[in-house]
Amino acid sequence: MSVWGKIIGGTAGFAMGGPLGALLGGLAGHAFDKMRGAQAEAGGDGDDARQIAFTIGVIVLGAKMAKADGVVTRDEVQAFREVFHVPAHEAKNVARVFDLAKKDSRGFEPYAKQLAGMFKDNPAVLEDLLDGLFHIAKADDFYHPAENEFLGRVAAIFGFSEAEFNRIRAGHVGSDDSDPYAILGLDREASDDELKSRYRTLIREHHPDTLIAQGVPQEFVDVANEKLAVINDAYDRVAKQRGLT
């Protein structure tokens, strides 16, 4: 079953626990079971919980980010549907989660912390989640300073350094002549061997098959492929500058 069909499952909230599980439990009309939640919060329950957590995490943090620039509209939901190809029959569920998260009085930190805990051993998955949020942030063709601040704070909770966040951001909001070294996370003084090693590592970490195996839903393959394209382009530009074959 597609991950979208699991979003509003009868036990999805219980299986996940934590603030994400509470959100889903409330959406499905269930009372939140604190004992189950405390147990599941430590790491989720199986691949289904991780895929649901990833998907709901993008929606919830996207909703919170919409508040960052002071303008909360349905455009963010539409952007999410366009980027991640939500089936038409699941669109209402996505919108309901978005609206509920938007109304939640809590900030984004509890959700970001739960996701950081669930994927603490898979930083590439957390980076892919950030990529999804960047897609939503850019949906209106304007990357607002408040959105940049929000994403920087989420990245910090996820455990990314400022330099790592700058690398991730460079792959999304840099101009056509953006620094390929920044995208690769390398200094200009890096050796050719360091360049090739870094490139191989990034390709391995962000290959769609690797991410799916670590808990990223199949529906997010397009995001992973776009990430690979940015990495390949940055490497090709540096390799051309250096005369590498």
Protein backbone atom coordinates (compact mmCIF):
# COMPACT_ATOMS: atom_id res chain seq x y z
CA MET A 1 0.00 0.00 0.00
CA SER A 2 1.21 3.50 -0.81
CA VAL A 3 2.31 5.55 2.18
CA TRP A 4 -0.49 8.00 1.46
CA GLY A 5 -3.03 5.29 2.18
CA LYS A 6 -1.48 4.74 5.60
CA ILE A 7 -1.56 8.35 6.73
CA ILE A 8 -5.01 8.18 8.30
CA GLY A 9 -4.88 4.53 9.36
CA GLY A 10 -6.83 3.48 12.41
CA THR A 11 -3.68 2.73 14.44
CA ALA A 12 -1.11 4.92 12.71
CA GLY A 13 -1.00 7.43 15.54
CA PHE A 14 -0.54 4.73 18.16
CA ALA A 15 2.16 2.95 16.18
CA MET A 16 4.23 6.10 15.91
CA GLY A 17 3.80 7.84 19.24
CA GLY A 18 5.23 11.22 20.18
CA PRO A 19 3.86 14.53 18.88
CA LEU A 20 3.50 13.15 15.34
CA GLY A 21 1.51 10.20 16.63
CA ALA A 22 -0.63 12.47 18.76
CA LEU A 23 -1.40 14.60 15.73
CA LEU A 24 -2.44 11.58 13.68
CA GLY A 25 -4.37 10.07 16.57
CA GLY A 26 -6.38 13.25 16.96
CA LEU A 27 -6.97 13.43 13.24
CA ALA A 28 -8.28 9.86 13.17
CA GLY A 29 -10.53 10.52 16.13
CA HIS A 30 -8.58 8.47 18.68
CA ALA A 31 -7.45 9.40 22.18
CA PHE A 32 -3.68 9.53 22.48
CA ASP A 33 -2.32 6.57 24.45
CA LYS A 34 0.55 8.03 26.50
CA MET A 35 2.02 4.66 27.44
CA ARG A 36 2.21 3.49 23.84
CA GLY A 37 3.41 6.88 22.76
CA ALA A 38 6.28 6.91 25.24
CA GLN A 39 7.42 3.50 24.04
CA ALA A 40 7.15 4.30 20.34
CA GLU A 41 8.72 7.75 20.67
CA ALA A 42 12.10 6.18 21.25
CA GLY A 43 12.29 5.06 17.65
CA GLY A 44 9.00 4.28 16.00
CA ASP A 45 7.64 0.85 15.13
CA GLY A 46 8.90 -0.65 11.90
CA ASP A 47 9.23 0.62 8.38
CA ASP A 48 5.60 1.76 8.16
CA ALA A 49 6.01 4.07 11.14
CA ARG A 50 9.23 5.51 9.74
CA GLN A 51 7.72 6.16 6.31
CA ILE A 52 4.63 7.72 7.84
CA ALA A 53 6.80 9.80 10.16
CA PHE A 54 8.88 11.06 7.25
CA THR A 55 5.81 11.95 5.18
CA ILE A 56 3.88 13.57 8.01
CA GLY A 57 7.04 15.34 9.11
CA VAL A 58 7.32 17.14 5.78
CA ILE A 59 3.64 18.13 5.90
CA VAL A 60 3.71 19.28 9.53
CA LEU A 61 6.98 21.19 9.27
CA GLY A 62 5.78 22.65 5.98
CA ALA A 63 2.68 23.92 7.75
CA LYS A 64 4.78 25.40 10.54
CA MET A 65 7.08 26.99 7.98
CA ALA A 66 4.07 28.59 6.32
CA LYS A 67 3.58 30.53 9.52
CA ALA A 68 7.18 31.70 9.48
CA ASP A 69 6.62 34.38 6.84
CA GLY A 70 3.27 35.38 8.33
CA VAL A 71 1.23 34.21 5.33
CA VAL A 72 -0.57 30.87 5.72
CA THR A 73 -2.38 29.80 2.56
CA ARG A 74 -3.37 26.58 0.83
CA ASP A 75 -0.59 27.14 -1.70
CA GLU A 76 1.78 25.10 0.46
CA VAL A 77 -0.55 22.09 0.28
CA GLN A 78 -0.78 22.49 -3.48
CA ALA A 79 3.00 22.74 -3.70
CA PHE A 80 3.36 19.57 -1.68
CA ARG A 81 0.92 17.76 -3.97
CA GLU A 82 2.76 18.93 -7.09
CA VAL A 83 6.22 18.02 -5.85
CA PHE A 84 5.39 14.70 -4.26
CA HIS A 85 2.58 13.58 -6.57
CA VAL A 86 -0.07 12.92 -3.93
CA PRO A 87 -2.86 10.79 -5.43
CA ALA A 88 -6.08 12.73 -5.88
CA HIS A 89 -7.98 10.45 -3.52
CA GLU A 90 -5.47 11.17 -0.72
CA ALA A 91 -5.31 14.94 -1.24
CA LYS A 92 -7.93 15.62 1.42
CA ASN A 93 -5.95 13.65 3.99
CA VAL A 94 -2.82 15.69 3.25
CA ALA A 95 -4.82 18.91 3.53
CA ARG A 96 -6.36 17.79 6.82
CA VAL A 97 -2.96 17.03 8.34
CA PHE A 98 -1.63 20.37 7.10
CA ASP A 99 -4.59 22.29 8.53
CA LEU A 100 -4.40 20.51 11.88
CA ALA A 101 -0.66 21.15 12.18
CA LYS A 102 -1.22 24.77 11.21
CA LYS A 103 -3.69 25.18 14.08
CA ASP A 104 -1.57 23.30 16.63
CA SER A 105 -0.49 25.69 19.37
CA ARG A 106 2.85 23.94 19.78
CA GLY A 107 5.86 25.10 17.82
CA PHE A 108 7.78 23.04 15.31
CA GLU A 109 10.52 21.95 17.72
CA PRO A 110 8.80 18.85 19.21
CA TYR A 111 8.12 17.46 15.72
CA ALA A 112 11.64 18.18 14.49
CA LYS A 113 13.13 16.59 17.62
CA GLN A 114 11.05 13.42 17.19
CA LEU A 115 12.11 13.08 13.57
CA ALA A 116 15.74 13.70 14.55
CA GLY A 117 15.47 10.88 17.06
CA MET A 118 13.83 8.46 14.65
CA PHE A 119 16.43 9.01 11.93
CA LYS A 120 19.48 9.81 14.07
CA ASP A 121 21.43 6.99 12.41
CA ASN A 122 20.41 8.08 8.90
CA PRO A 123 21.39 11.75 8.41
CA ALA A 124 20.84 11.39 4.65
CA VAL A 125 17.14 10.80 5.36
CA LEU A 126 16.96 13.95 7.46
CA GLU A 127 18.70 15.84 4.67
CA ASP A 128 16.14 14.49 2.21
CA LEU A 129 13.39 15.75 4.53
CA LEU A 130 15.03 19.18 4.50
CA ASP A 131 15.11 18.99 0.70
CA GLY A 132 11.35 18.49 0.73
CA LEU A 133 10.89 21.55 2.92
CA PHE A 134 13.05 23.61 0.57
CA HIS A 135 10.75 22.59 -2.28
CA ILE A 136 7.78 23.93 -0.36
CA ALA A 137 9.63 27.11 0.64
CA LYS A 138 10.41 27.86 -3.01
CA ALA A 139 6.89 27.12 -4.25
CA ASP A 140 5.94 30.80 -4.48
CA ASP A 141 9.22 31.69 -6.27
CA PHE A 142 10.38 33.67 -3.24
CA TYR A 143 12.65 32.30 -0.55
CA HIS A 144 11.67 34.43 2.44
CA PRO A 145 14.32 35.30 5.08
CA ALA A 146 11.96 33.95 7.75
CA GLU A 147 11.80 30.63 5.89
CA ASN A 148 15.59 30.56 5.80
CA GLU A 149 15.72 31.12 9.55
CA PHE A 150 13.11 28.42 10.13
CA LEU A 151 14.95 25.87 7.99
CA GLY A 152 18.23 26.74 9.67
CA ARG A 153 16.72 26.02 13.08
CA VAL A 154 15.22 22.74 11.88
CA ALA A 155 18.59 21.76 10.42
CA ALA A 156 20.28 22.49 13.76
CA ILE A 157 17.78 20.25 15.58
CA PHE A 158 18.49 17.56 13.00
CA GLY A 159 22.16 17.80 13.94
CA PHE A 160 23.51 19.61 10.88
CA SER A 161 26.24 22.19 11.35
CA GLU A 162 25.96 25.67 9.87
CA ALA A 163 28.38 24.66 7.11
CA GLU A 164 26.28 21.59 6.29
CA PHE A 165 23.12 23.68 6.18
CA ASN A 166 24.80 26.13 3.84
CA ARG A 167 25.74 23.21 1.58
CA ILE A 168 22.16 21.91 1.52
CA ARG A 169 20.75 25.38 0.90
CA ALA A 170 23.23 26.04 -1.92
CA GLY A 171 21.73 23.15 -3.85
CA HIS A 172 18.30 24.78 -3.73
CA VAL A 173 18.48 28.56 -3.70
CA GLY A 174 21.81 29.28 -5.34
CA SER A 175 21.88 31.06 -8.68
CA ASP A 176 22.99 29.42 -11.91
CA ASP A 177 26.54 30.45 -11.10
CA SER A 178 26.35 29.23 -7.49
CA ASP A 179 29.52 27.84 -6.03
CA PRO A 180 29.73 24.11 -6.83
CA TYR A 181 32.19 23.69 -3.97
CA ALA A 182 29.50 24.86 -1.55
CA ILE A 183 27.05 22.34 -2.98
CA LEU A 184 29.61 19.57 -2.50
CA GLY A 185 30.61 20.84 0.93
CA LEU A 186 34.27 21.22 0.00
CA ASP A 187 36.93 23.90 0.28
CA ARG A 188 38.46 25.11 -2.97
CA GLU A 189 41.78 23.82 -1.71
CA ALA A 190 40.49 20.23 -1.57
CA SER A 191 42.61 17.78 -3.54
CA ASP A 192 41.33 15.88 -6.56
CA ASP A 193 41.21 12.71 -4.48
CA GLU A 194 39.15 14.49 -1.80
CA LEU A 195 36.82 15.78 -4.49
CA LYS A 196 36.26 12.33 -5.95
CA SER A 197 35.81 10.75 -2.52
CA ARG A 198 33.28 13.39 -1.48
CA TYR A 199 31.38 12.98 -4.73
CA ARG A 200 31.17 9.20 -4.34
CA THR A 201 29.97 9.57 -0.75
CA LEU A 202 27.22 12.03 -1.67
CA ILE A 203 26.04 9.87 -4.57
CA ARG A 204 25.90 6.81 -2.35
CA GLU A 205 24.07 8.60 0.47
CA HIS A 206 21.49 10.23 -1.77
CA HIS A 207 20.81 7.40 -4.20
CA PRO A 208 17.03 6.78 -4.21
CA ASP A 209 17.45 3.07 -3.46
CA THR A 210 19.57 3.88 -0.39
CA LEU A 211 17.04 6.37 0.93
CA ILE A 212 14.07 4.07 0.37
CA ALA A 213 15.89 1.29 2.24
CA GLN A 214 16.39 3.70 5.15
CA GLY A 215 12.74 4.69 5.45
CA VAL A 216 12.05 7.32 2.78
CA PRO A 217 8.80 6.50 0.93
CA GLN A 218 8.88 5.53 -2.75
CA GLU A 219 6.85 8.64 -3.51
CA PHE A 220 9.88 10.83 -2.73
CA VAL A 221 12.10 9.35 -5.44
CA ASP A 222 11.73 12.47 -7.59
CA VAL A 223 13.23 14.58 -4.80
CA ALA A 224 16.16 12.19 -4.48
CA ASN A 225 16.71 12.20 -8.25
CA GLU A 226 16.72 16.00 -8.30
CA LYS A 227 19.27 15.98 -5.48
CA LEU A 228 21.49 13.64 -7.49
CA ALA A 229 21.21 15.92 -10.51
CA VAL A 230 22.41 18.91 -8.46
CA ILE A 231 25.32 16.90 -7.03
CA ASN A 232 26.30 15.59 -10.48
CA ASP A 233 26.17 19.07 -11.97
CA ALA A 234 28.34 20.53 -9.19
CA TYR A 235 30.92 17.77 -9.58
CA ASP A 236 30.98 18.10 -13.37
CA ARG A 237 31.60 21.85 -13.09
CA VAL A 238 34.49 21.39 -10.67
CA ALA A 239 35.94 18.50 -12.72
CA LYS A 240 35.81 20.66 -15.86
CA GLN A 241 37.54 23.53 -14.07
CA ARG A 242 40.29 21.17 -12.96
CA GLY A 243 40.61 19.35 -16.28
CA LEU A 244 39.59 16.01 -14.81
CA THR A 245 38.16 13.28 -17.01
